[in-house]
């Protein structure tokens, strides 16, 4: 099951964004590291799934903040992680908390 996380459907998700460590930025959700995502942009990587390895947020005084995700893709010929804009990926599964394993 794929969850679309945008301004319209954040409230309809089956999990609470506060419980899973998500941050709200101007109505959009920033996925935490370790989240499973699917590429939805029109690129050679469309439809591939991967894991968020790093999040880089940018905010300027005159612009709305947005972010980039460094994603390790599965089944891609490129082995290095690739940067995607926040609107090029959608959440497949939230990051798994490691609190119980430590």
PDB file of N, CA and C in Angstrom:
ATOM      1  N   UNK A   1       0.840  -1.175   0.000  1.00  0.00           N
ATOM      2  CA  UNK A   1       0.000   0.000   0.000  1.00  0.00           C
ATOM      3  C   UNK A   1       0.882   1.233   0.000  1.00  0.00           C
ATOM      4  N   UNK A   2       0.575   2.208  -0.822  1.00  0.00           N
ATOM      5  CA  UNK A   2       1.350   3.432  -0.924  1.00  0.00           C
ATOM      6  C   UNK A   2       0.523   4.570  -0.349  1.00  0.00           C
ATOM      7  N   UNK A   3       1.125   5.357   0.530  1.00  0.00           N
ATOM      8  CA  UNK A   3       0.467   6.512   1.116  1.00  0.00           C
ATOM      9  C   UNK A   3       0.928   7.766   0.407  1.00  0.00           C
ATOM     10  N   UNK A   4       0.007   8.547  -0.113  1.00  0.00           N
ATOM     11  CA  UNK A   4       0.355   9.849  -0.685  1.00  0.00           C
ATOM     12  C   UNK A   4       0.342  10.857   0.455  1.00  0.00           C
ATOM     13  N   UNK A   5       1.450  11.535   0.639  1.00  0.00           N
ATOM     14  CA  UNK A   5       1.555  12.483   1.728  1.00  0.00           C
ATOM     15  C   UNK A   5       1.610  13.894   1.149  1.00  0.00           C
ATOM     16  N   UNK A   6       0.467  14.514   0.971  1.00  0.00           N
ATOM     17  CA  UNK A   6       0.453  15.894   0.533  1.00  0.00           C
ATOM     18  C   UNK A   6      -0.569  16.667   1.338  1.00  0.00           C
ATOM     19  N   UNK A   7      -0.814  17.900   0.988  1.00  0.00           N
ATOM     20  CA  UNK A   7      -1.682  18.762   1.773  1.00  0.00           C
ATOM     21  C   UNK A   7      -3.082  18.182   1.936  1.00  0.00           C
ATOM     22  N   UNK A   8      -3.570  17.451   0.949  1.00  0.00           N
ATOM     23  CA  UNK A   8      -4.934  16.969   0.986  1.00  0.00           C
ATOM     24  C   UNK A   8      -5.115  15.689   1.779  1.00  0.00           C
ATOM     25  N   UNK A   9      -4.129  14.795   1.789  1.00  0.00           N
ATOM     26  CA  UNK A   9      -4.350  13.512   2.424  1.00  0.00           C
ATOM     27  C   UNK A   9      -3.490  13.190   3.630  1.00  0.00           C
ATOM     28  N   UNK A  10      -2.786  14.130   4.183  1.00  0.00           N
ATOM     29  CA  UNK A  10      -1.970  13.842   5.362  1.00  0.00           C
ATOM     30  C   UNK A  10      -2.858  13.348   6.501  1.00  0.00           C
ATOM     31  N   UNK A  11      -4.034  13.929   6.661  1.00  0.00           N
ATOM     32  CA  UNK A  11      -4.918  13.562   7.761  1.00  0.00           C
ATOM     33  C   UNK A  11      -5.533  12.183   7.570  1.00  0.00           C
ATOM     34  N   UNK A  12      -5.600  11.681   6.342  1.00  0.00           N
ATOM     35  CA  UNK A  12      -6.268  10.410   6.096  1.00  0.00           C
ATOM     36  C   UNK A  12      -5.337   9.204   6.217  1.00  0.00           C
ATOM     37  N   UNK A  13      -4.088   9.410   6.586  1.00  0.00           N
ATOM     38  CA  UNK A  13      -3.144   8.301   6.701  1.00  0.00           C
ATOM     39  C   UNK A  13      -3.524   7.388   7.862  1.00  0.00           C
ATOM     40  N   UNK A  14      -3.072   6.153   7.761  1.00  0.00           N
ATOM     41  CA  UNK A  14      -3.394   5.158   8.780  1.00  0.00           C
ATOM     42  C   UNK A  14      -2.496   5.288  10.005  1.00  0.00           C
ATOM     43  N   UNK A  15      -1.548   6.197   9.982  1.00  0.00           N
ATOM     44  CA  UNK A  15      -0.662   6.383  11.125  1.00  0.00           C
ATOM     45  C   UNK A  15      -0.561   7.861  11.449  1.00  0.00           C
ATOM     46  N   UNK A  16      -0.204   8.168  12.670  1.00  0.00           N
ATOM     47  CA  UNK A  16      -0.067   9.549  13.103  1.00  0.00           C
ATOM     48  C   UNK A  16       1.321  10.056  12.768  1.00  0.00           C
ATOM     49  N   UNK A  17       1.390  11.239  12.147  1.00  0.00           N
ATOM     50  CA  UNK A  17       2.694  11.787  11.793  1.00  0.00           C
ATOM     51  C   UNK A  17       3.504  12.127  13.040  1.00  0.00           C
ATOM     52  N   UNK A  18       2.850  12.487  14.126  1.00  0.00           N
ATOM     53  CA  UNK A  18       3.581  12.793  15.353  1.00  0.00           C
ATOM     54  C   UNK A  18       4.196  11.531  15.950  1.00  0.00           C
ATOM     55  N   UNK A  19       3.480  10.409  15.856  1.00  0.00           N
ATOM     56  CA  UNK A  19       3.990   9.154  16.410  1.00  0.00           C
ATOM     57  C   UNK A  19       5.202   8.650  15.647  1.00  0.00           C
ATOM     58  N   UNK A  20       5.276   8.885  14.348  1.00  0.00           N
ATOM     59  CA  UNK A  20       6.322   8.312  13.514  1.00  0.00           C
ATOM     60  C   UNK A  20       7.492   9.252  13.276  1.00  0.00           C
ATOM     61  N   UNK A  21       7.510  10.440  13.886  1.00  0.00           N
ATOM     62  CA  UNK A  21       8.655  11.327  13.777  1.00  0.00           C
ATOM     63  C   UNK A  21       8.664  12.199  12.537  1.00  0.00           C
ATOM     64  N   UNK A  22       7.508  12.455  11.938  1.00  0.00           N
ATOM     65  CA  UNK A  22       7.450  13.317  10.765  1.00  0.00           C
ATOM     66  C   UNK A  22       7.434  14.766  11.198  1.00  0.00           C
ATOM     67  N   UNK A  23       7.926  15.636  10.334  1.00  0.00           N
ATOM     68  CA  UNK A  23       7.891  17.069  10.579  1.00  0.00           C
ATOM     69  C   UNK A  23       6.948  17.698   9.576  1.00  0.00           C
ATOM     70  N   UNK A  24       6.135  18.647  10.019  1.00  0.00           N
ATOM     71  CA  UNK A  24       5.249  19.368   9.122  1.00  0.00           C
ATOM     72  C   UNK A  24       5.939  20.658   8.677  1.00  0.00           C
ATOM     73  N   UNK A  25       5.966  20.898   7.373  1.00  0.00           N
ATOM     74  CA  UNK A  25       6.541  22.126   6.832  1.00  0.00           C
ATOM     75  C   UNK A  25       5.549  22.693   5.845  1.00  0.00           C
ATOM     76  N   UNK A  26       4.918  23.795   6.198  1.00  0.00           N
ATOM     77  CA  UNK A  26       3.993  24.499   5.323  1.00  0.00           C
ATOM     78  C   UNK A  26       2.951  23.550   4.734  1.00  0.00           C
ATOM     79  N   UNK A  27       2.412  22.646   5.545  1.00  0.00           N
ATOM     80  CA  UNK A  27       1.369  21.744   5.095  1.00  0.00           C
ATOM     81  C   UNK A  27       1.868  20.466   4.453  1.00  0.00           C
ATOM     82  N   UNK A  28       3.142  20.350   4.177  1.00  0.00           N
ATOM     83  CA  UNK A  28       3.695  19.128   3.606  1.00  0.00           C
ATOM     84  C   UNK A  28       4.422  18.351   4.697  1.00  0.00           C
ATOM     85  N   UNK A  29       4.636  17.087   4.462  1.00  0.00           N
ATOM     86  CA  UNK A  29       5.291  16.235   5.436  1.00  0.00           C
ATOM     87  C   UNK A  29       6.703  15.915   4.983  1.00  0.00           C
ATOM     88  N   UNK A  30       7.655  16.023   5.903  1.00  0.00           N
ATOM     89  CA  UNK A  30       9.037  15.637   5.622  1.00  0.00           C
ATOM     90  C   UNK A  30       9.226  14.242   6.180  1.00  0.00           C
ATOM     91  N   UNK A  31       9.620  13.320   5.324  1.00  0.00           N
ATOM     92  CA  UNK A  31       9.815  11.939   5.739  1.00  0.00           C
ATOM     93  C   UNK A  31      11.139  11.803   6.477  1.00  0.00           C
ATOM     94  N   UNK A  32      11.190  11.068   7.585  1.00  0.00           N
ATOM     95  CA  UNK A  32      12.449  10.878   8.312  1.00  0.00           C
ATOM     96  C   UNK A  32      13.360   9.879   7.593  1.00  0.00           C
ATOM     97  N   UNK A  33      14.627   9.921   7.937  1.00  0.00           N
ATOM     98  CA  UNK A  33      15.585   8.958   7.385  1.00  0.00           C
ATOM     99  C   UNK A  33      15.121   7.551   7.723  1.00  0.00           C
ATOM    100  N   UNK A  34      15.292   6.645   6.777  1.00  0.00           N
ATOM    101  CA  UNK A  34      14.867   5.274   6.971  1.00  0.00           C
ATOM    102  C   UNK A  34      13.497   4.974   6.398  1.00  0.00           C
ATOM    103  N   UNK A  35      12.763   6.018   5.986  1.00  0.00           N
ATOM    104  CA  UNK A  35      11.442   5.802   5.390  1.00  0.00           C
ATOM    105  C   UNK A  35      11.579   5.145   4.022  1.00  0.00           C
ATOM    106  N   UNK A  36      10.618   4.310   3.682  1.00  0.00           N
ATOM    107  CA  UNK A  36      10.578   3.657   2.373  1.00  0.00           C
ATOM    108  C   UNK A  36       9.712   4.518   1.464  1.00  0.00           C
ATOM    109  N   UNK A  37      10.230   4.834   0.279  1.00  0.00           N
ATOM    110  CA  UNK A  37       9.528   5.703  -0.654  1.00  0.00           C
ATOM    111  C   UNK A  37       9.492   5.092  -2.050  1.00  0.00           C
ATOM    112  N   UNK A  38       8.635   5.658  -2.900  1.00  0.00           N
ATOM    113  CA  UNK A  38       8.534   5.274  -4.297  1.00  0.00           C
ATOM    114  C   UNK A  38       8.714   6.534  -5.130  1.00  0.00           C
ATOM    115  N   UNK A  39       9.496   6.455  -6.193  1.00  0.00           N
ATOM    116  CA  UNK A  39       9.731   7.606  -7.066  1.00  0.00           C
ATOM    117  C   UNK A  39       8.516   7.781  -7.965  1.00  0.00           C
ATOM    118  N   UNK A  40       7.939   8.988  -7.979  1.00  0.00           N
ATOM    119  CA  UNK A  40       6.754   9.257  -8.789  1.00  0.00           C
ATOM    120  C   UNK A  40       7.023  10.281  -9.880  1.00  0.00           C
ATOM    121  N   UNK A  41       8.236  10.825  -9.942  1.00  0.00           N
ATOM    122  CA  UNK A  41       8.561  11.817 -10.965  1.00  0.00           C
ATOM    123  C   UNK A  41       8.699  11.147 -12.331  1.00  0.00           C
ATOM    124  N   UNK A  42       8.522  11.937 -13.370  1.00  0.00           N
ATOM    125  CA  UNK A  42       8.713  11.418 -14.731  1.00  0.00           C
ATOM    126  C   UNK A  42      10.199  11.412 -15.032  1.00  0.00           C
ATOM    127  N   UNK A  43      10.846  10.335 -14.667  1.00  0.00           N
ATOM    128  CA  UNK A  43      12.282  10.171 -14.856  1.00  0.00           C
ATOM    129  C   UNK A  43      12.548   8.688 -15.113  1.00  0.00           C
ATOM    130  N   UNK A  44      13.785   8.348 -15.446  1.00  0.00           N
ATOM    131  CA  UNK A  44      14.108   6.929 -15.631  1.00  0.00           C
ATOM    132  C   UNK A  44      13.910   6.096 -14.364  1.00  0.00           C
ATOM    133  N   UNK A  45      13.797   6.750 -13.219  1.00  0.00           N
ATOM    134  CA  UNK A  45      13.663   6.052 -11.943  1.00  0.00           C
ATOM    135  C   UNK A  45      12.205   5.899 -11.507  1.00  0.00           C
ATOM    136  N   UNK A  46      11.262   6.382 -12.304  1.00  0.00           N
ATOM    137  CA  UNK A  46       9.840   6.329 -11.948  1.00  0.00           C
ATOM    138  C   UNK A  46       9.421   4.885 -11.626  1.00  0.00           C
ATOM    139  N   UNK A  47       8.728   4.731 -10.497  1.00  0.00           N
ATOM    140  CA  UNK A  47       8.235   3.426 -10.088  1.00  0.00           C
ATOM    141  C   UNK A  47       9.189   2.628  -9.222  1.00  0.00           C
ATOM    142  N   UNK A  48      10.445   3.061  -9.139  1.00  0.00           N
ATOM    143  CA  UNK A  48      11.397   2.346  -8.279  1.00  0.00           C
ATOM    144  C   UNK A  48      11.172   2.732  -6.826  1.00  0.00           C
ATOM    145  N   UNK A  49      11.460   1.799  -5.957  1.00  0.00           N
ATOM    146  CA  UNK A  49      11.358   2.052  -4.521  1.00  0.00           C
ATOM    147  C   UNK A  49      12.743   2.173  -3.926  1.00  0.00           C
ATOM    148  N   UNK A  50      12.800   2.822  -2.782  1.00  0.00           N
ATOM    149  CA  UNK A  50      14.075   2.985  -2.117  1.00  0.00           C
ATOM    150  C   UNK A  50      13.897   3.434  -0.682  1.00  0.00           C
ATOM    151  N   UNK A  51      15.026   3.728  -0.048  1.00  0.00           N
ATOM    152  CA  UNK A  51      15.056   4.131   1.349  1.00  0.00           C
ATOM    153  C   UNK A  51      15.707   5.498   1.475  1.00  0.00           C
ATOM    154  N   UNK A  52      15.082   6.376   2.265  1.00  0.00           N
ATOM    155  CA  UNK A  52      15.635   7.711   2.510  1.00  0.00           C
ATOM    156  C   UNK A  52      16.862   7.562   3.390  1.00  0.00           C
ATOM    157  N   UNK A  53      17.996   8.043   2.904  1.00  0.00           N
ATOM    158  CA  UNK A  53      19.246   7.985   3.658  1.00  0.00           C
ATOM    159  C   UNK A  53      19.580   9.314   4.322  1.00  0.00           C
ATOM    160  N   UNK A  54      19.167  10.419   3.697  1.00  0.00           N
ATOM    161  CA  UNK A  54      19.475  11.744   4.230  1.00  0.00           C
ATOM    162  C   UNK A  54      18.405  12.718   3.773  1.00  0.00           C
ATOM    163  N   UNK A  55      18.103  13.706   4.611  1.00  0.00           N
ATOM    164  CA  UNK A  55      17.128  14.742   4.285  1.00  0.00           C
ATOM    165  C   UNK A  55      17.826  16.083   4.384  1.00  0.00           C
ATOM    166  N   UNK A  56      17.661  16.906   3.341  1.00  0.00           N
ATOM    167  CA  UNK A  56      18.247  18.244   3.342  1.00  0.00           C
ATOM    168  C   UNK A  56      17.125  19.243   3.113  1.00  0.00           C
ATOM    169  N   UNK A  57      16.837  20.067   4.117  1.00  0.00           N
ATOM    170  CA  UNK A  57      15.782  21.070   3.991  1.00  0.00           C
ATOM    171  C   UNK A  57      16.386  22.425   3.675  1.00  0.00           C
ATOM    172  N   UNK A  58      15.650  23.184   2.892  1.00  0.00           N
ATOM    173  CA  UNK A  58      16.088  24.524   2.496  1.00  0.00           C
ATOM    174  C   UNK A  58      14.941  25.481   2.789  1.00  0.00           C
ATOM    175  N   UNK A  59      15.250  26.566   3.464  1.00  0.00           N
ATOM    176  CA  UNK A  59      14.235  27.589   3.686  1.00  0.00           C
ATOM    177  C   UNK A  59      14.892  28.955   3.555  1.00  0.00           C
ATOM    178  N   UNK A  60      14.236  29.788   2.819  1.00  0.00           N
ATOM    179  CA  UNK A  60      14.692  31.173   2.654  1.00  0.00           C
ATOM    180  C   UNK A  60      13.582  32.076   3.164  1.00  0.00           C
ATOM    181  N   UNK A  61      13.930  33.289   3.493  1.00  0.00           N
ATOM    182  CA  UNK A  61      12.939  34.205   4.050  1.00  0.00           C
ATOM    183  C   UNK A  61      11.766  34.449   3.105  1.00  0.00           C
ATOM    184  N   UNK A  62      12.033  34.510   1.814  1.00  0.00           N
ATOM    185  CA  UNK A  62      10.988  34.847   0.853  1.00  0.00           C
ATOM    186  C   UNK A  62      10.320  33.626   0.222  1.00  0.00           C
ATOM    187  N   UNK A  63      10.810  32.440   0.493  1.00  0.00           N
ATOM    188  CA  UNK A  63      10.267  31.241  -0.135  1.00  0.00           C
ATOM    189  C   UNK A  63       9.749  30.262   0.894  1.00  0.00           C
ATOM    190  N   UNK A  64       8.820  29.403   0.460  1.00  0.00           N
ATOM    191  CA  UNK A  64       8.378  28.324   1.330  1.00  0.00           C
ATOM    192  C   UNK A  64       9.506  27.309   1.459  1.00  0.00           C
ATOM    193  N   UNK A  65       9.696  26.719   2.624  1.00  0.00           N
ATOM    194  CA  UNK A  65      10.736  25.705   2.768  1.00  0.00           C
ATOM    195  C   UNK A  65      10.389  24.450   1.970  1.00  0.00           C
ATOM    196  N   UNK A  66      11.408  23.796   1.469  1.00  0.00           N
ATOM    197  CA  UNK A  66      11.225  22.511   0.798  1.00  0.00           C
ATOM    198  C   UNK A  66      12.449  21.675   1.077  1.00  0.00           C
ATOM    199  N   UNK A  67      12.423  20.409   0.648  1.00  0.00           N
ATOM    200  CA  UNK A  67      13.543  19.546   0.986  1.00  0.00           C
ATOM    201  C   UNK A  67      13.907  18.624  -0.164  1.00  0.00           C
ATOM    202  N   UNK A  68      15.082  18.032  -0.022  1.00  0.00           N
ATOM    203  CA  UNK A  68      15.592  17.027  -0.936  1.00  0.00           C
ATOM    204  C   UNK A  68      15.865  15.769  -0.130  1.00  0.00           C
ATOM    205  N   UNK A  69      15.664  14.618  -0.773  1.00  0.00           N
ATOM    206  CA  UNK A  69      15.934  13.334  -0.134  1.00  0.00           C
ATOM    207  C   UNK A  69      17.046  12.614  -0.881  1.00  0.00           C
ATOM    208  N   UNK A  70      18.012  12.101  -0.146  1.00  0.00           N
ATOM    209  CA  UNK A  70      19.037  11.232  -0.714  1.00  0.00           C
ATOM    210  C   UNK A  70      18.514   9.813  -0.544  1.00  0.00           C
ATOM    211  N   UNK A  71      18.265   9.142  -1.678  1.00  0.00           N
ATOM    212  CA  UNK A  71      17.581   7.856  -1.645  1.00  0.00           C
ATOM    213  C   UNK A  71      18.425   6.763  -2.277  1.00  0.00           C
ATOM    214  N   UNK A  72      18.536   5.653  -1.565  1.00  0.00           N
ATOM    215  CA  UNK A  72      19.159   4.452  -2.114  1.00  0.00           C
ATOM    216  C   UNK A  72      18.058   3.660  -2.801  1.00  0.00           C
ATOM    217  N   UNK A  73      18.162   3.510  -4.121  1.00  0.00           N
ATOM    218  CA  UNK A  73      17.124   2.839  -4.902  1.00  0.00           C
ATOM    219  C   UNK A  73      17.366   1.338  -4.990  1.00  0.00           C
ATOM    220  N   UNK A  74      16.291   0.582  -5.050  1.00  0.00           N
ATOM    221  CA  UNK A  74      16.353  -0.863  -5.255  1.00  0.00           C
ATOM    222  C   UNK A  74      16.201  -1.139  -6.752  1.00  0.00           C
ATOM    223  N   UNK A  75      16.876  -2.154  -7.233  1.00  0.00           N
ATOM    224  CA  UNK A  75      16.776  -2.603  -8.621  1.00  0.00           C
ATOM    225  C   UNK A  75      17.132  -1.521  -9.639  1.00  0.00           C
ATOM    226  N   UNK A  76      17.993  -0.585  -9.279  1.00  0.00           N
ATOM    227  CA  UNK A  76      18.457   0.436 -10.214  1.00  0.00           C
ATOM    228  C   UNK A  76      19.877   0.090 -10.648  1.00  0.00           C
ATOM    229  N   UNK A  77      20.219   0.456 -11.866  1.00  0.00           N
ATOM    230  CA  UNK A  77      21.574   0.190 -12.337  1.00  0.00           C
ATOM    231  C   UNK A  77      22.585   1.117 -11.681  1.00  0.00           C
ATOM    232  N   UNK A  78      22.106   2.231 -11.150  1.00  0.00           N
ATOM    233  CA  UNK A  78      22.967   3.171 -10.436  1.00  0.00           C
ATOM    234  C   UNK A  78      23.066   2.712  -8.990  1.00  0.00           C
ATOM    235  N   UNK A  79      24.273   2.474  -8.514  1.00  0.00           N
ATOM    236  CA  UNK A  79      24.450   1.966  -7.154  1.00  0.00           C
ATOM    237  C   UNK A  79      24.514   3.070  -6.106  1.00  0.00           C
ATOM    238  N   UNK A  80      24.912   4.276  -6.519  1.00  0.00           N
ATOM    239  CA  UNK A  80      25.027   5.379  -5.574  1.00  0.00           C
ATOM    240  C   UNK A  80      23.644   5.941  -5.257  1.00  0.00           C
ATOM    241  N   UNK A  81      23.452   6.443  -4.019  1.00  0.00           N
ATOM    242  CA  UNK A  81      22.188   7.107  -3.690  1.00  0.00           C
ATOM    243  C   UNK A  81      21.988   8.338  -4.580  1.00  0.00           C
ATOM    244  N   UNK A  82      20.727   8.693  -4.828  1.00  0.00           N
ATOM    245  CA  UNK A  82      20.383   9.789  -5.728  1.00  0.00           C
ATOM    246  C   UNK A  82      19.508  10.794  -4.978  1.00  0.00           C
ATOM    247  N   UNK A  83      19.712  12.087  -5.258  1.00  0.00           N
ATOM    248  CA  UNK A  83      18.913  13.147  -4.656  1.00  0.00           C
ATOM    249  C   UNK A  83      17.616  13.341  -5.440  1.00  0.00           C
ATOM    250  N   UNK A  84      16.504  13.455  -4.710  1.00  0.00           N
ATOM    251  CA  UNK A  84      15.199  13.744  -5.304  1.00  0.00           C
ATOM    252  C   UNK A  84      14.558  14.891  -4.538  1.00  0.00           C
ATOM    253  N   UNK A  85      13.790  15.731  -5.251  1.00  0.00           N
ATOM    254  CA  UNK A  85      13.014  16.769  -4.591  1.00  0.00           C
ATOM    255  C   UNK A  85      11.855  16.141  -3.841  1.00  0.00           C
ATOM    256  N   UNK A  86      11.335  16.862  -2.857  1.00  0.00           N
ATOM    257  CA  UNK A  86      10.273  16.337  -2.000  1.00  0.00           C
ATOM    258  C   UNK A  86       9.034  15.905  -2.779  1.00  0.00           C
ATOM    259  N   UNK A  87       8.740  16.554  -3.904  1.00  0.00           N
ATOM    260  CA  UNK A  87       7.527  16.217  -4.649  1.00  0.00           C
ATOM    261  C   UNK A  87       7.748  15.118  -5.689  1.00  0.00           C
ATOM    262  N   UNK A  88       8.935  14.541  -5.712  1.00  0.00           N
ATOM    263  CA  UNK A  88       9.242  13.469  -6.661  1.00  0.00           C
ATOM    264  C   UNK A  88       9.118  12.073  -6.055  1.00  0.00           C
ATOM    265  N   UNK A  89       8.823  12.015  -4.758  1.00  0.00           N
ATOM    266  CA  UNK A  89       8.686  10.722  -4.077  1.00  0.00           C
ATOM    267  C   UNK A  89       7.437  10.720  -3.209  1.00  0.00           C
ATOM    268  N   UNK A  90       6.927   9.514  -2.953  1.00  0.00           N
ATOM    269  CA  UNK A  90       5.816   9.370  -2.025  1.00  0.00           C
ATOM    270  C   UNK A  90       6.127   8.249  -1.043  1.00  0.00           C
ATOM    271  N   UNK A  91       5.527   8.340   0.108  1.00  0.00           N
ATOM    272  CA  UNK A  91       5.799   7.397   1.186  1.00  0.00           C
ATOM    273  C   UNK A  91       5.184   6.032   0.900  1.00  0.00           C
ATOM    274  N   UNK A  92       5.967   4.984   1.085  1.00  0.00           N
ATOM    275  CA  UNK A  92       5.489   3.605   0.992  1.00  0.00           C
ATOM    276  C   UNK A  92       5.320   3.059   2.405  1.00  0.00           C
ATOM    277  N   UNK A  93       6.323   3.284   3.261  1.00  0.00           N
ATOM    278  CA  UNK A  93       6.271   2.829   4.654  1.00  0.00           C
ATOM    279  C   UNK A  93       7.104   3.778   5.503  1.00  0.00           C
ATOM    280  N   UNK A  94       6.591   4.152   6.661  1.00  0.00           N
ATOM    281  CA  UNK A  94       7.359   5.041   7.533  1.00  0.00           C
ATOM    282  C   UNK A  94       8.605   4.353   8.083  1.00  0.00           C
ATOM    283  N   UNK A  95       9.532   5.165   8.566  1.00  0.00           N
ATOM    284  CA  UNK A  95      10.754   4.626   9.162  1.00  0.00           C
ATOM    285  C   UNK A  95      10.405   3.797  10.387  1.00  0.00           C
ATOM    286  N   UNK A  96      11.130   2.717  10.567  1.00  0.00           N
ATOM    287  CA  UNK A  96      10.918   1.837  11.717  1.00  0.00           C
ATOM    288  C   UNK A  96      11.719   2.395  12.882  1.00  0.00           C
ATOM    289  N   UNK A  97      11.061   2.562  14.005  1.00  0.00           N
ATOM    290  CA  UNK A  97      11.730   3.068  15.204  1.00  0.00           C
ATOM    291  C   UNK A  97      12.681   2.005  15.730  1.00  0.00           C
ATOM    292  N   UNK A  98      13.877   2.413  16.129  1.00  0.00           N
ATOM    293  CA  UNK A  98      14.870   1.474  16.648  1.00  0.00           C
ATOM    294  C   UNK A  98      14.985   1.545  18.167  1.00  0.00           C
ATOM    295  N   UNK A  99      14.058   2.236  18.812  1.00  0.00           N
ATOM    296  CA  UNK A  99      14.116   2.390  20.259  1.00  0.00           C
ATOM    297  C   UNK A  99      14.075   1.059  20.988  1.00  0.00           C
ATOM    298  N   UNK A 100      13.286   0.118  20.493  1.00  0.00           N
ATOM    299  CA  UNK A 100      13.151  -1.167  21.158  1.00  0.00           C
ATOM    300  C   UNK A 100      14.334  -2.088  20.941  1.00  0.00           C
ATOM    301  N   UNK A 101      15.199  -1.785  19.958  1.00  0.00           N
ATOM    302  CA  UNK A 101      16.316  -2.666  19.654  1.00  0.00           C
ATOM    303  C   UNK A 101      17.600  -2.267  20.330  1.00  0.00           C
ATOM    304  N   UNK A 102      17.608  -1.117  20.972  1.00  0.00           N
ATOM    305  CA  UNK A 102      18.856  -0.649  21.602  1.00  0.00           C
ATOM    306  C   UNK A 102      18.922  -1.059  23.042  1.00  0.00           C
TER     307      UNK A 102
END
